N, C-alpha and C. Protein backbone atom coordinates (compact mmCIF):
# COMPACT_ATOMS: atom_id res chain seq x y z
N MET A 1 -1.87 -10.45 -11.25
CA MET A 1 -1.43 -9.47 -10.28
C MET A 1 -2.56 -9.24 -9.28
N SER A 2 -2.24 -9.28 -8.02
CA SER A 2 -3.20 -9.03 -6.96
C SER A 2 -3.15 -7.57 -6.55
N LYS A 3 -4.29 -7.06 -6.08
CA LYS A 3 -4.35 -5.68 -5.61
C LYS A 3 -4.58 -5.68 -4.10
N VAL A 4 -3.85 -4.81 -3.41
CA VAL A 4 -3.99 -4.65 -1.97
C VAL A 4 -4.34 -3.21 -1.71
N GLY A 5 -5.41 -2.97 -0.95
CA GLY A 5 -5.81 -1.62 -0.60
C GLY A 5 -5.26 -1.26 0.77
N ILE A 6 -4.62 -0.11 0.87
CA ILE A 6 -4.12 0.38 2.15
C ILE A 6 -4.97 1.58 2.52
N ASN A 7 -5.60 1.50 3.69
CA ASN A 7 -6.48 2.56 4.16
C ASN A 7 -5.65 3.56 4.97
N GLY A 8 -5.01 4.47 4.25
CA GLY A 8 -4.19 5.48 4.91
C GLY A 8 -2.73 5.07 4.96
N PHE A 9 -1.88 6.05 5.08
CA PHE A 9 -0.45 5.79 5.13
C PHE A 9 0.12 6.26 6.46
N GLY A 10 -0.48 5.77 7.52
CA GLY A 10 0.06 6.00 8.86
C GLY A 10 1.25 5.08 9.08
N ARG A 11 1.55 4.81 10.32
CA ARG A 11 2.71 3.99 10.66
C ARG A 11 2.61 2.60 10.04
N ILE A 12 1.49 1.94 10.20
CA ILE A 12 1.35 0.57 9.70
C ILE A 12 1.24 0.54 8.18
N GLY A 13 0.53 1.49 7.60
CA GLY A 13 0.43 1.56 6.14
C GLY A 13 1.78 1.73 5.48
N ARG A 14 2.61 2.59 6.06
CA ARG A 14 3.96 2.78 5.50
C ARG A 14 4.81 1.53 5.65
N LEU A 15 4.68 0.83 6.79
CA LEU A 15 5.44 -0.40 6.99
C LEU A 15 5.03 -1.48 5.98
N VAL A 16 3.74 -1.61 5.75
CA VAL A 16 3.25 -2.60 4.78
C VAL A 16 3.75 -2.26 3.38
N LEU A 17 3.63 -0.99 2.99
CA LEU A 17 4.09 -0.58 1.67
C LEU A 17 5.59 -0.83 1.51
N ARG A 18 6.36 -0.47 2.51
CA ARG A 18 7.82 -0.66 2.45
C ARG A 18 8.16 -2.14 2.28
N ARG A 19 7.47 -3.01 3.01
CA ARG A 19 7.74 -4.44 2.92
C ARG A 19 7.37 -5.00 1.54
N LEU A 20 6.23 -4.54 1.00
CA LEU A 20 5.83 -5.00 -0.33
C LEU A 20 6.84 -4.57 -1.39
N LEU A 21 7.40 -3.37 -1.24
CA LEU A 21 8.39 -2.90 -2.20
C LEU A 21 9.72 -3.64 -2.05
N GLU A 22 10.07 -4.02 -0.81
CA GLU A 22 11.33 -4.73 -0.58
C GLU A 22 11.34 -6.11 -1.20
N VAL A 23 10.24 -6.83 -1.09
CA VAL A 23 10.21 -8.21 -1.59
C VAL A 23 9.88 -8.29 -3.07
N LYS A 24 9.58 -7.13 -3.69
CA LYS A 24 9.27 -7.07 -5.12
C LYS A 24 8.21 -8.09 -5.50
N SER A 25 7.15 -8.09 -4.71
CA SER A 25 6.07 -9.03 -4.94
C SER A 25 5.23 -8.61 -6.15
N ASN A 26 4.41 -9.51 -6.59
CA ASN A 26 3.53 -9.26 -7.74
C ASN A 26 2.20 -8.70 -7.24
N ILE A 27 2.28 -7.63 -6.44
CA ILE A 27 1.10 -7.03 -5.82
C ILE A 27 1.05 -5.56 -6.17
N GLU A 28 -0.14 -5.10 -6.58
CA GLU A 28 -0.35 -3.68 -6.86
C GLU A 28 -1.00 -3.05 -5.63
N VAL A 29 -0.43 -1.96 -5.15
CA VAL A 29 -0.96 -1.27 -3.98
C VAL A 29 -1.91 -0.17 -4.44
N VAL A 30 -3.10 -0.15 -3.84
CA VAL A 30 -4.13 0.82 -4.20
C VAL A 30 -4.51 1.60 -2.95
N ASN A 31 -4.54 2.94 -3.08
CA ASN A 31 -4.98 3.79 -1.98
C ASN A 31 -6.22 4.53 -2.44
N LYS A 32 -7.38 4.11 -1.98
CA LYS A 32 -8.63 4.72 -2.42
C LYS A 32 -8.94 6.00 -1.68
N ASN A 33 -8.15 6.37 -0.70
CA ASN A 33 -8.40 7.59 0.07
C ASN A 33 -7.57 8.76 -0.43
N TRP A 34 -7.01 8.66 -1.61
CA TRP A 34 -6.17 9.74 -2.12
C TRP A 34 -6.84 10.38 -3.30
N PRO A 35 -6.90 11.64 -3.49
CA PRO A 35 -6.39 12.67 -2.60
C PRO A 35 -7.32 12.87 -1.41
N PRO A 36 -6.78 13.36 -0.31
CA PRO A 36 -7.63 13.56 0.88
C PRO A 36 -8.69 14.61 0.61
N SER A 37 -9.85 14.40 1.17
CA SER A 37 -10.95 15.35 0.92
C SER A 37 -11.07 16.38 2.01
């Protein structure tokens, strides 16, 4: 399983996450900026 880090969930982050969920890829999404400080 590969890990992909998304730096924030703005417009592009949400689009990337949505696409990864649609194709049911073998990728784990990691958000290291959560929770916001």
